[in-house]
Amino acid sequence: MATSVLQPRHTALRLPQGRRVPRGSTRWYALTVPEGREESIARDLRKLVPADLLHDVFAIRKEYWVKRGGAWSLNSKIAYAGYLFGQTADPAGLQKALAQLTLPVVLVGAHGHAWAPLAPEAEAWLKRALDVGHVLRSSTALVEDGKLRIVSGPLRGMEGRLRDVDSHRRRCMVDIADADGGFSELMPLEVRK
């Protein structure tokens, strides 16, 4: 993935940064928080920041497959450790509100005053792939006549975007966007034969 489209704080996030948008356009912005406190800080922000300024804030979780004692099971973890995602139409106002709190949370780009939302392709894909609890769920695929077909889950209809399918580890890479060097996401995938 090319890092030229990312500010240094986005490099660890692995998501492309979009361009600044006209005031009033609600977009997703990344916020940095201490690792391990993502969900508790999101709960606090929902209580402390007015809803007209911060429409929603959440940590993204991702399912992953684990094999223990010969049996596979699904677990989940924070997908982007140390980051929350906030939906706002006023990043400058959000930054002012965050600066008044004692919580350890920073709007990405706040130090340079260049608040840029996630790239539209990344935001659109996440909106499509996340469930109502902000979890990237596992998908299920079948191999029919030598072709992989997703039958359930957020990857349904994205067969052409899949690469590096690893049926033994139950995961695959999904190409999300091609612009500015691309954006790919490692996703859980159960392949049934």
N, C-alpha and C. Protein backbone atom coordinates (compact mmCIF):
# COMPACT_ATOMS: atom_id res chain seq x y z
N MET A 1 0.84 -1.17 0.00
CA MET A 1 0.00 0.00 0.00
C MET A 1 0.89 1.23 0.00
N ALA A 2 0.57 2.18 -0.83
CA ALA A 2 1.34 3.40 -0.90
C ALA A 2 1.04 4.25 0.33
N THR A 3 2.08 4.84 0.91
CA THR A 3 1.88 5.68 2.08
C THR A 3 1.81 7.15 1.71
N SER A 4 1.96 7.48 0.44
CA SER A 4 1.95 8.89 0.05
C SER A 4 0.61 9.56 0.31
N VAL A 5 -0.47 8.81 0.36
CA VAL A 5 -1.78 9.41 0.59
C VAL A 5 -2.12 9.48 2.07
N LEU A 6 -1.22 8.99 2.91
CA LEU A 6 -1.51 8.92 4.33
C LEU A 6 -0.66 9.90 5.11
N GLN A 7 -1.24 10.49 6.11
CA GLN A 7 -0.44 11.26 7.05
C GLN A 7 0.25 10.26 7.96
N PRO A 8 1.32 10.66 8.62
CA PRO A 8 2.04 9.71 9.47
C PRO A 8 1.15 8.99 10.48
N ARG A 9 0.16 9.65 11.06
CA ARG A 9 -0.70 9.00 12.05
C ARG A 9 -1.61 7.96 11.39
N HIS A 10 -1.85 8.06 10.09
CA HIS A 10 -2.70 7.09 9.40
C HIS A 10 -1.93 5.85 8.98
N THR A 11 -0.59 5.89 8.98
CA THR A 11 0.18 4.76 8.51
C THR A 11 -0.16 3.51 9.30
N ALA A 12 -0.23 3.62 10.63
CA ALA A 12 -0.57 2.46 11.45
C ALA A 12 -2.02 2.06 11.23
N LEU A 13 -2.86 2.99 10.86
CA LEU A 13 -4.27 2.73 10.66
C LEU A 13 -4.52 1.91 9.40
N ARG A 14 -3.70 2.05 8.41
CA ARG A 14 -3.78 1.30 7.15
C ARG A 14 -4.98 1.69 6.29
N LEU A 15 -5.63 2.79 6.58
CA LEU A 15 -6.76 3.23 5.76
C LEU A 15 -6.38 4.51 5.04
N PRO A 16 -6.75 4.64 3.78
CA PRO A 16 -6.39 5.86 3.05
C PRO A 16 -7.17 7.07 3.52
N GLN A 17 -6.50 8.18 3.48
CA GLN A 17 -7.10 9.44 3.89
C GLN A 17 -7.70 10.13 2.69
N GLY A 18 -8.89 10.68 2.86
CA GLY A 18 -9.54 11.40 1.78
C GLY A 18 -9.15 12.86 1.77
N ARG A 19 -9.76 13.61 0.92
CA ARG A 19 -9.52 15.05 0.82
C ARG A 19 -10.45 15.79 1.78
N ARG A 20 -10.08 17.02 2.10
CA ARG A 20 -10.95 17.84 2.93
C ARG A 20 -12.27 18.02 2.19
N VAL A 21 -13.33 18.13 2.94
CA VAL A 21 -14.67 18.21 2.35
C VAL A 21 -15.34 19.52 2.74
N PRO A 22 -16.35 19.94 1.98
CA PRO A 22 -17.06 21.17 2.33
C PRO A 22 -17.71 21.05 3.70
N ARG A 23 -17.76 22.16 4.40
CA ARG A 23 -18.38 22.18 5.73
C ARG A 23 -19.84 21.71 5.61
N GLY A 24 -20.24 20.91 6.56
CA GLY A 24 -21.61 20.40 6.56
C GLY A 24 -21.73 18.99 6.00
N SER A 25 -20.68 18.47 5.37
CA SER A 25 -20.71 17.11 4.83
C SER A 25 -20.30 16.14 5.93
N THR A 26 -21.19 15.25 6.32
CA THR A 26 -20.88 14.28 7.37
C THR A 26 -19.99 13.19 6.79
N ARG A 27 -18.84 13.01 7.40
CA ARG A 27 -17.87 12.00 6.97
C ARG A 27 -17.30 11.30 8.20
N TRP A 28 -16.52 10.26 7.95
CA TRP A 28 -15.87 9.52 9.01
C TRP A 28 -14.46 10.05 9.21
N TYR A 29 -14.08 10.29 10.46
CA TYR A 29 -12.75 10.76 10.82
C TYR A 29 -12.15 9.79 11.84
N ALA A 30 -10.85 9.60 11.77
CA ALA A 30 -10.16 8.73 12.72
C ALA A 30 -9.76 9.53 13.96
N LEU A 31 -9.84 8.88 15.11
CA LEU A 31 -9.42 9.47 16.37
C LEU A 31 -8.46 8.50 17.03
N THR A 32 -7.35 9.00 17.56
CA THR A 32 -6.41 8.12 18.25
C THR A 32 -6.75 8.09 19.74
N VAL A 33 -6.63 6.90 20.31
CA VAL A 33 -6.87 6.67 21.74
C VAL A 33 -5.86 5.63 22.21
N PRO A 34 -5.66 5.49 23.52
CA PRO A 34 -4.75 4.44 24.00
C PRO A 34 -5.29 3.06 23.64
N GLU A 35 -4.40 2.19 23.21
CA GLU A 35 -4.81 0.82 22.87
C GLU A 35 -5.41 0.14 24.10
N GLY A 36 -6.49 -0.58 23.87
CA GLY A 36 -7.17 -1.28 24.94
C GLY A 36 -8.31 -0.48 25.56
N ARG A 37 -8.38 0.82 25.25
CA ARG A 37 -9.43 1.66 25.82
C ARG A 37 -10.41 2.15 24.75
N GLU A 38 -10.35 1.58 23.58
CA GLU A 38 -11.16 2.06 22.47
C GLU A 38 -12.65 2.10 22.81
N GLU A 39 -13.18 1.00 23.29
CA GLU A 39 -14.63 0.92 23.51
C GLU A 39 -15.08 1.76 24.70
N SER A 40 -14.29 1.83 25.76
CA SER A 40 -14.69 2.63 26.91
C SER A 40 -14.64 4.13 26.58
N ILE A 41 -13.65 4.55 25.81
CA ILE A 41 -13.58 5.96 25.43
C ILE A 41 -14.71 6.30 24.46
N ALA A 42 -15.06 5.39 23.57
CA ALA A 42 -16.20 5.64 22.67
C ALA A 42 -17.48 5.85 23.48
N ARG A 43 -17.70 5.03 24.51
CA ARG A 43 -18.88 5.20 25.37
C ARG A 43 -18.86 6.57 26.05
N ASP A 44 -17.69 6.97 26.55
CA ASP A 44 -17.57 8.27 27.21
C ASP A 44 -17.83 9.41 26.24
N LEU A 45 -17.31 9.30 25.02
CA LEU A 45 -17.51 10.37 24.03
C LEU A 45 -18.98 10.51 23.66
N ARG A 46 -19.70 9.39 23.57
CA ARG A 46 -21.13 9.46 23.27
C ARG A 46 -21.89 10.23 24.34
N LYS A 47 -21.43 10.15 25.58
CA LYS A 47 -22.08 10.86 26.68
C LYS A 47 -21.65 12.33 26.75
N LEU A 48 -20.40 12.62 26.45
CA LEU A 48 -19.84 13.95 26.71
C LEU A 48 -19.87 14.93 25.54
N VAL A 49 -19.89 14.41 24.31
CA VAL A 49 -19.88 15.29 23.14
C VAL A 49 -21.29 15.34 22.57
N PRO A 50 -21.82 16.55 22.32
CA PRO A 50 -23.19 16.66 21.79
C PRO A 50 -23.37 15.87 20.49
N ALA A 51 -24.53 15.23 20.37
CA ALA A 51 -24.82 14.38 19.20
C ALA A 51 -24.87 15.17 17.90
N ASP A 52 -25.18 16.46 17.96
CA ASP A 52 -25.18 17.24 16.72
C ASP A 52 -23.76 17.53 16.23
N LEU A 53 -22.78 17.35 17.11
CA LEU A 53 -21.38 17.55 16.74
C LEU A 53 -20.70 16.22 16.40
N LEU A 54 -21.00 15.19 17.16
CA LEU A 54 -20.44 13.86 16.94
C LEU A 54 -21.61 12.90 16.78
N HIS A 55 -21.98 12.63 15.52
CA HIS A 55 -23.17 11.83 15.22
C HIS A 55 -23.05 10.41 15.75
N ASP A 56 -21.86 9.84 15.64
CA ASP A 56 -21.60 8.49 16.15
C ASP A 56 -20.10 8.36 16.33
N VAL A 57 -19.69 7.52 17.25
CA VAL A 57 -18.28 7.21 17.46
C VAL A 57 -18.21 5.74 17.87
N PHE A 58 -17.25 5.03 17.33
CA PHE A 58 -17.18 3.59 17.57
C PHE A 58 -15.80 3.04 17.24
N ALA A 59 -15.51 1.90 17.85
CA ALA A 59 -14.34 1.10 17.50
C ALA A 59 -14.83 0.03 16.54
N ILE A 60 -14.04 -0.28 15.55
CA ILE A 60 -14.40 -1.36 14.62
C ILE A 60 -13.79 -2.66 15.15
N ARG A 61 -14.62 -3.67 15.26
CA ARG A 61 -14.16 -5.00 15.65
C ARG A 61 -14.16 -5.89 14.41
N LYS A 62 -13.34 -6.93 14.45
CA LYS A 62 -13.27 -7.87 13.33
C LYS A 62 -13.25 -9.29 13.86
N GLU A 63 -14.03 -10.15 13.22
CA GLU A 63 -13.99 -11.57 13.58
C GLU A 63 -12.75 -12.21 12.96
N TYR A 64 -12.28 -13.28 13.61
CA TYR A 64 -11.18 -14.07 13.07
C TYR A 64 -11.36 -15.51 13.54
N TRP A 65 -10.87 -16.42 12.74
CA TRP A 65 -11.01 -17.85 13.03
C TRP A 65 -9.81 -18.34 13.83
N VAL A 66 -10.08 -19.22 14.82
CA VAL A 66 -9.04 -19.82 15.64
C VAL A 66 -9.33 -21.32 15.73
N LYS A 67 -8.26 -22.10 15.61
CA LYS A 67 -8.42 -23.54 15.74
C LYS A 67 -7.78 -23.98 17.05
N ARG A 68 -8.62 -24.56 17.91
CA ARG A 68 -8.15 -25.06 19.21
C ARG A 68 -8.68 -26.47 19.40
N GLY A 69 -7.78 -27.36 19.74
CA GLY A 69 -8.21 -28.74 19.99
C GLY A 69 -8.87 -29.37 18.78
N GLY A 70 -8.47 -28.96 17.58
CA GLY A 70 -9.01 -29.51 16.35
C GLY A 70 -10.33 -28.92 15.90
N ALA A 71 -10.87 -27.98 16.68
CA ALA A 71 -12.15 -27.36 16.32
C ALA A 71 -11.96 -25.88 16.04
N TRP A 72 -12.63 -25.40 14.98
CA TRP A 72 -12.56 -23.99 14.61
C TRP A 72 -13.65 -23.21 15.34
N SER A 73 -13.31 -22.00 15.74
CA SER A 73 -14.31 -21.11 16.35
C SER A 73 -14.00 -19.67 15.95
N LEU A 74 -15.04 -18.84 16.02
CA LEU A 74 -14.89 -17.42 15.71
C LEU A 74 -14.68 -16.62 16.99
N ASN A 75 -13.72 -15.73 16.95
CA ASN A 75 -13.48 -14.76 18.01
C ASN A 75 -13.53 -13.38 17.37
N SER A 76 -13.47 -12.33 18.18
CA SER A 76 -13.39 -10.99 17.61
C SER A 76 -12.38 -10.17 18.39
N LYS A 77 -11.86 -9.16 17.73
CA LYS A 77 -10.90 -8.25 18.35
C LYS A 77 -11.05 -6.88 17.70
N ILE A 78 -10.44 -5.88 18.30
CA ILE A 78 -10.43 -4.55 17.71
C ILE A 78 -9.64 -4.63 16.40
N ALA A 79 -10.24 -4.15 15.33
CA ALA A 79 -9.59 -4.23 14.02
C ALA A 79 -8.46 -3.21 13.88
N TYR A 80 -8.64 -2.03 14.43
CA TYR A 80 -7.65 -0.96 14.33
C TYR A 80 -7.30 -0.50 15.74
N ALA A 81 -6.34 -1.19 16.35
CA ALA A 81 -5.97 -0.91 17.73
C ALA A 81 -5.51 0.54 17.87
N GLY A 82 -6.06 1.21 18.87
CA GLY A 82 -5.68 2.58 19.14
C GLY A 82 -6.45 3.62 18.34
N TYR A 83 -7.51 3.19 17.65
CA TYR A 83 -8.29 4.12 16.83
C TYR A 83 -9.79 3.95 17.06
N LEU A 84 -10.48 5.07 17.01
CA LEU A 84 -11.93 5.12 16.94
C LEU A 84 -12.29 5.81 15.64
N PHE A 85 -13.56 5.69 15.26
CA PHE A 85 -14.05 6.38 14.08
C PHE A 85 -15.24 7.23 14.50
N GLY A 86 -15.19 8.49 14.15
CA GLY A 86 -16.26 9.40 14.50
C GLY A 86 -16.89 9.98 13.25
N GLN A 87 -18.21 10.11 13.29
CA GLN A 87 -18.94 10.70 12.17
C GLN A 87 -19.30 12.13 12.55
N THR A 88 -18.81 13.09 11.76
CA THR A 88 -19.09 14.48 12.04
C THR A 88 -19.14 15.29 10.76
N ALA A 89 -19.87 16.38 10.82
CA ALA A 89 -19.91 17.34 9.71
C ALA A 89 -19.06 18.56 10.05
N ASP A 90 -18.50 18.59 11.27
CA ASP A 90 -17.73 19.75 11.72
C ASP A 90 -16.47 19.28 12.45
N PRO A 91 -15.42 18.88 11.72
CA PRO A 91 -14.21 18.40 12.39
C PRO A 91 -13.54 19.46 13.26
N ALA A 92 -13.59 20.73 12.86
CA ALA A 92 -12.99 21.79 13.68
C ALA A 92 -13.75 21.92 15.00
N GLY A 93 -15.07 21.89 14.95
CA GLY A 93 -15.87 21.94 16.17
C GLY A 93 -15.63 20.73 17.04
N LEU A 94 -15.49 19.55 16.41
CA LEU A 94 -15.21 18.33 17.16
C LEU A 94 -13.87 18.45 17.86
N GLN A 95 -12.87 18.95 17.16
CA GLN A 95 -11.55 19.11 17.77
C GLN A 95 -11.61 20.04 18.98
N LYS A 96 -12.37 21.12 18.87
CA LYS A 96 -12.52 22.05 20.01
C LYS A 96 -13.18 21.35 21.19
N ALA A 97 -14.20 20.56 20.92
CA ALA A 97 -14.89 19.83 21.99
C ALA A 97 -13.96 18.80 22.63
N LEU A 98 -13.17 18.10 21.83
CA LEU A 98 -12.24 17.10 22.36
C LEU A 98 -11.16 17.75 23.20
N ALA A 99 -10.70 18.93 22.81
CA ALA A 99 -9.65 19.63 23.55
C ALA A 99 -10.11 20.04 24.94
N GLN A 100 -11.40 20.16 25.16
CA GLN A 100 -11.94 20.55 26.46
C GLN A 100 -12.12 19.36 27.40
N LEU A 101 -11.96 18.16 26.88
CA LEU A 101 -12.13 16.95 27.69
C LEU A 101 -10.80 16.50 28.28
N THR A 102 -10.88 15.72 29.35
CA THR A 102 -9.67 15.15 29.93
C THR A 102 -9.38 13.76 29.37
N LEU A 103 -10.20 13.30 28.45
CA LEU A 103 -9.99 11.99 27.84
C LEU A 103 -8.79 12.03 26.89
N PRO A 104 -8.02 10.95 26.84
CA PRO A 104 -6.86 10.90 25.93
C PRO A 104 -7.30 10.54 24.50
N VAL A 105 -7.89 11.49 23.80
CA VAL A 105 -8.37 11.25 22.44
C VAL A 105 -7.98 12.44 21.57
N VAL A 106 -7.48 12.15 20.37
CA VAL A 106 -7.03 13.19 19.45
C VAL A 106 -7.60 12.91 18.07
N LEU A 107 -8.17 13.91 17.46
CA LEU A 107 -8.64 13.81 16.08
C LEU A 107 -7.40 13.72 15.18
N VAL A 108 -7.31 12.70 14.37
CA VAL A 108 -6.13 12.51 13.53
C VAL A 108 -5.96 13.72 12.62
N GLY A 109 -4.76 14.24 12.61
CA GLY A 109 -4.47 15.43 11.82
C GLY A 109 -4.64 16.70 12.61
N ALA A 110 -5.05 16.61 13.87
CA ALA A 110 -5.35 17.81 14.65
C ALA A 110 -4.12 18.67 14.89
N HIS A 111 -2.96 18.06 14.99
CA HIS A 111 -1.75 18.84 15.28
C HIS A 111 -1.40 19.76 14.12
N GLY A 112 -1.69 19.34 12.90
CA GLY A 112 -1.42 20.17 11.73
C GLY A 112 -2.65 20.90 11.23
N HIS A 113 -3.77 20.76 11.93
CA HIS A 113 -5.04 21.38 11.56
C HIS A 113 -5.46 21.02 10.14
N ALA A 114 -5.14 19.82 9.73
CA ALA A 114 -5.54 19.35 8.40
C ALA A 114 -6.40 18.11 8.58
N TRP A 115 -7.58 18.31 9.16
CA TRP A 115 -8.45 17.18 9.41
C TRP A 115 -9.00 16.68 8.08
N ALA A 116 -8.67 15.48 7.75
CA ALA A 116 -9.14 14.90 6.50
C ALA A 116 -9.89 13.61 6.83
N PRO A 117 -11.03 13.41 6.23
CA PRO A 117 -11.80 12.19 6.50
C PRO A 117 -11.16 10.98 5.83
N LEU A 118 -11.71 9.81 6.13
CA LEU A 118 -11.28 8.62 5.40
C LEU A 118 -11.60 8.82 3.93
N ALA A 119 -10.87 8.15 3.08
CA ALA A 119 -11.14 8.21 1.64
C ALA A 119 -12.56 7.70 1.39
N PRO A 120 -13.28 8.30 0.44
CA PRO A 120 -14.67 7.88 0.18
C PRO A 120 -14.81 6.39 -0.09
N GLU A 121 -13.84 5.78 -0.81
CA GLU A 121 -13.93 4.35 -1.12
C GLU A 121 -13.85 3.52 0.15
N ALA A 122 -12.93 3.90 1.06
CA ALA A 122 -12.78 3.16 2.31
C ALA A 122 -14.01 3.31 3.18
N GLU A 123 -14.52 4.53 3.29
CA GLU A 123 -15.72 4.78 4.08
C GLU A 123 -16.92 4.01 3.53
N ALA A 124 -17.10 4.04 2.22
CA ALA A 124 -18.23 3.33 1.60
C ALA A 124 -18.12 1.83 1.83
N TRP A 125 -16.93 1.28 1.69
CA TRP A 125 -16.75 -0.15 1.89
C TRP A 125 -17.04 -0.53 3.35
N LEU A 126 -16.52 0.25 4.28
CA LEU A 126 -16.77 -0.04 5.69
C LEU A 126 -18.26 0.05 6.02
N LYS A 127 -18.96 1.05 5.49
CA LYS A 127 -20.38 1.17 5.73
C LYS A 127 -21.12 -0.07 5.23
N ARG A 128 -20.69 -0.59 4.10
CA ARG A 128 -21.33 -1.77 3.52
C ARG A 128 -20.99 -3.04 4.29
N ALA A 129 -19.73 -3.15 4.76
CA ALA A 129 -19.25 -4.38 5.36
C ALA A 129 -19.56 -4.51 6.85
N LEU A 130 -19.69 -3.40 7.56
CA LEU A 130 -19.93 -3.46 9.00
C LEU A 130 -21.38 -3.82 9.31
N ASP A 131 -21.57 -4.57 10.38
CA ASP A 131 -22.94 -4.83 10.83
C ASP A 131 -23.36 -3.70 11.78
N VAL A 132 -24.54 -3.79 12.36
CA VAL A 132 -25.04 -2.71 13.21
C VAL A 132 -24.20 -2.52 14.47
N GLY A 133 -23.46 -3.52 14.88
CA GLY A 133 -22.58 -3.42 16.05
C GLY A 133 -21.17 -3.00 15.69
N HIS A 134 -20.95 -2.57 14.43
CA HIS A 134 -19.64 -2.14 13.93
C HIS A 134 -18.61 -3.27 13.95
N VAL A 135 -19.06 -4.47 13.54
CA VAL A 135 -18.20 -5.64 13.48
C VAL A 135 -18.08 -6.09 12.02
N LEU A 136 -16.84 -6.38 11.61
CA LEU A 136 -16.59 -6.99 10.31
C LEU A 136 -16.72 -8.50 10.52
N ARG A 137 -17.82 -9.06 10.05
CA ARG A 137 -18.14 -10.47 10.27
C ARG A 137 -17.45 -11.37 9.23
N SER A 138 -17.38 -12.64 9.57
CA SER A 138 -16.85 -13.63 8.65
C SER A 138 -17.85 -13.89 7.53
N SER A 139 -17.32 -14.24 6.39
CA SER A 139 -18.16 -14.63 5.26
C SER A 139 -17.99 -16.12 5.01
N THR A 140 -18.93 -16.70 4.29
CA THR A 140 -18.88 -18.11 3.93
C THR A 140 -18.88 -18.23 2.42
N ALA A 141 -18.01 -19.10 1.91
CA ALA A 141 -17.90 -19.31 0.47
C ALA A 141 -18.01 -20.79 0.15
N LEU A 142 -18.47 -21.06 -1.06
CA LEU A 142 -18.51 -22.41 -1.59
C LEU A 142 -17.65 -22.46 -2.84
N VAL A 143 -17.04 -23.61 -3.09
CA VAL A 143 -16.31 -23.82 -4.33
C VAL A 143 -17.20 -24.66 -5.22
N GLU A 144 -17.64 -24.05 -6.32
CA GLU A 144 -18.52 -24.72 -7.27
C GLU A 144 -17.89 -24.67 -8.65
N ASP A 145 -17.68 -25.82 -9.24
CA ASP A 145 -17.05 -25.93 -10.56
C ASP A 145 -15.72 -25.18 -10.61
N GLY A 146 -14.95 -25.28 -9.52
CA GLY A 146 -13.64 -24.65 -9.46
C GLY A 146 -13.66 -23.15 -9.21
N LYS A 147 -14.83 -22.59 -8.99
CA LYS A 147 -14.93 -21.15 -8.74
C LYS A 147 -15.44 -20.89 -7.33
N LEU A 148 -14.90 -19.85 -6.73
CA LEU A 148 -15.29 -19.45 -5.39
C LEU A 148 -16.51 -18.54 -5.47
N ARG A 149 -17.55 -18.88 -4.68
CA ARG A 149 -18.75 -18.05 -4.65
C ARG A 149 -19.10 -17.77 -3.19
N ILE A 150 -19.18 -16.49 -2.84
CA ILE A 150 -19.53 -16.09 -1.47
C ILE A 150 -21.05 -16.24 -1.33
N VAL A 151 -21.47 -17.01 -0.33
CA VAL A 151 -22.90 -17.26 -0.14
C VAL A 151 -23.50 -16.47 1.02
N SER A 152 -22.65 -15.98 1.93
CA SER A 152 -23.16 -15.17 3.03
C SER A 152 -22.04 -14.31 3.60
N GLY A 153 -22.44 -13.24 4.26
CA GLY A 153 -21.48 -12.36 4.91
C GLY A 153 -21.21 -11.09 4.12
N PRO A 154 -20.39 -10.21 4.67
CA PRO A 154 -20.14 -8.91 4.05
C PRO A 154 -19.39 -8.97 2.73
N LEU A 155 -18.75 -10.08 2.41
CA LEU A 155 -18.01 -10.18 1.15
C LEU A 155 -18.88 -10.68 0.00
N ARG A 156 -20.15 -10.94 0.27
CA ARG A 156 -21.05 -11.42 -0.78
C ARG A 156 -21.09 -10.42 -1.93
N GLY A 157 -20.88 -10.92 -3.14
CA GLY A 157 -20.86 -10.09 -4.33
C GLY A 157 -19.50 -9.46 -4.62
N MET A 158 -18.51 -9.76 -3.81
CA MET A 158 -17.17 -9.18 -3.99
C MET A 158 -16.14 -10.20 -4.46
N GLU A 159 -16.59 -11.27 -5.06
CA GLU A 159 -15.66 -12.32 -5.47
C GLU A 159 -14.51 -11.78 -6.33
N GLY A 160 -14.78 -10.83 -7.18
CA GLY A 160 -13.76 -10.27 -8.06
C GLY A 160 -12.71 -9.45 -7.33
N ARG A 161 -12.98 -9.07 -6.10
CA ARG A 161 -12.03 -8.27 -5.32
C ARG A 161 -11.15 -9.13 -4.41
N LEU A 162 -11.46 -10.43 -4.29
CA LEU A 162 -10.70 -11.30 -3.40
C LEU A 162 -9.38 -11.72 -4.03
N ARG A 163 -8.36 -11.80 -3.17
CA ARG A 163 -7.08 -12.36 -3.60
C ARG A 163 -6.45 -13.03 -2.39
N ASP A 164 -5.48 -13.84 -2.63
CA ASP A 164 -4.77 -14.54 -1.55
C ASP A 164 -5.73 -15.26 -0.60
N VAL A 165 -6.64 -16.02 -1.17
CA VAL A 165 -7.59 -16.79 -0.35
C VAL A 165 -6.83 -17.94 0.30
N ASP A 166 -6.87 -18.00 1.62
CA ASP A 166 -6.20 -19.04 2.38
C ASP A 166 -7.26 -19.84 3.11
N SER A 167 -7.72 -20.92 2.49
CA SER A 167 -8.80 -21.71 3.08
C SER A 167 -8.36 -22.44 4.34
N HIS A 168 -7.06 -22.70 4.48
CA HIS A 168 -6.57 -23.39 5.68
C HIS A 168 -6.61 -22.47 6.91
N ARG A 169 -6.32 -21.19 6.72
CA ARG A 169 -6.35 -20.23 7.83
C ARG A 169 -7.66 -19.45 7.89
N ARG A 170 -8.55 -19.74 6.95
CA ARG A 170 -9.88 -19.14 6.88
C ARG A 170 -9.82 -17.61 6.83
N ARG A 171 -9.11 -17.11 5.80
CA ARG A 171 -9.00 -15.67 5.60
C ARG A 171 -8.63 -15.37 4.15
N CYS A 172 -8.78 -14.11 3.78
CA CYS A 172 -8.43 -13.67 2.43
C CYS A 172 -8.16 -12.17 2.45
N MET A 173 -7.53 -11.68 1.40
CA MET A 173 -7.34 -10.25 1.22
C MET A 173 -8.43 -9.76 0.28
N VAL A 174 -8.97 -8.59 0.58
CA VAL A 174 -10.00 -7.98 -0.25
C VAL A 174 -9.47 -6.63 -0.72
N ASP A 175 -9.44 -6.44 -2.03
CA ASP A 175 -9.03 -5.15 -2.58
C ASP A 175 -10.22 -4.21 -2.52
N ILE A 176 -10.06 -3.10 -1.81
CA ILE A 176 -11.16 -2.17 -1.59
C ILE A 176 -11.13 -1.03 -2.59
N ALA A 177 -9.97 -0.43 -2.75
CA ALA A 177 -9.85 0.73 -3.64
C ALA A 177 -8.53 0.64 -4.40
N ASP A 178 -8.53 1.12 -5.63
CA ASP A 178 -7.33 1.10 -6.45
C ASP A 178 -6.59 2.43 -6.44
N ALA A 179 -7.29 3.50 -6.11
CA ALA A 179 -6.70 4.84 -6.19
C ALA A 179 -5.57 5.02 -5.19
N ASP A 180 -4.60 5.83 -5.54
CA ASP A 180 -3.50 6.21 -4.65
C ASP A 180 -2.78 5.01 -4.05
N GLY A 181 -2.52 3.99 -4.82
CA GLY A 181 -1.75 2.85 -4.34
C GLY A 181 -2.59 1.73 -3.80
N GLY A 182 -3.88 1.94 -3.60
CA GLY A 182 -4.78 0.88 -3.20
C GLY A 182 -4.98 0.76 -1.70
N PHE A 183 -5.99 0.02 -1.36
CA PHE A 183 -6.33 -0.28 0.03
C PHE A 183 -6.89 -1.68 0.05
N SER A 184 -6.31 -2.54 0.85
CA SER A 184 -6.75 -3.93 0.99
C SER A 184 -7.00 -4.22 2.46
N GLU A 185 -7.88 -5.17 2.70
CA GLU A 185 -8.22 -5.53 4.08
C GLU A 185 -8.18 -7.05 4.20
N LEU A 186 -7.57 -7.56 5.26
CA LEU A 186 -7.57 -8.99 5.57
C LEU A 186 -8.89 -9.31 6.24
N MET A 187 -9.65 -10.24 5.67
CA MET A 187 -10.98 -10.57 6.17
C MET A 187 -11.13 -12.05 6.45
N PRO A 188 -11.96 -12.41 7.44
CA PRO A 188 -12.23 -13.82 7.72
C PRO A 188 -13.13 -14.41 6.64
N LEU A 189 -12.81 -15.63 6.25
CA LEU A 189 -13.58 -16.30 5.19
C LEU A 189 -13.53 -17.80 5.40
N GLU A 190 -14.68 -18.42 5.58
CA GLU A 190 -14.77 -19.87 5.68
C GLU A 190 -15.13 -20.42 4.31
N VAL A 191 -14.26 -21.28 3.78
CA VAL A 191 -14.50 -21.87 2.46
C VAL A 191 -14.95 -23.30 2.66
N ARG A 192 -16.17 -23.60 2.20
CA ARG A 192 -16.71 -24.95 2.28
C ARG A 192 -16.61 -25.58 0.91
N LYS A 193 -16.23 -26.84 0.89
CA LYS A 193 -16.07 -27.54 -0.40
C LYS A 193 -17.14 -28.57 -0.60
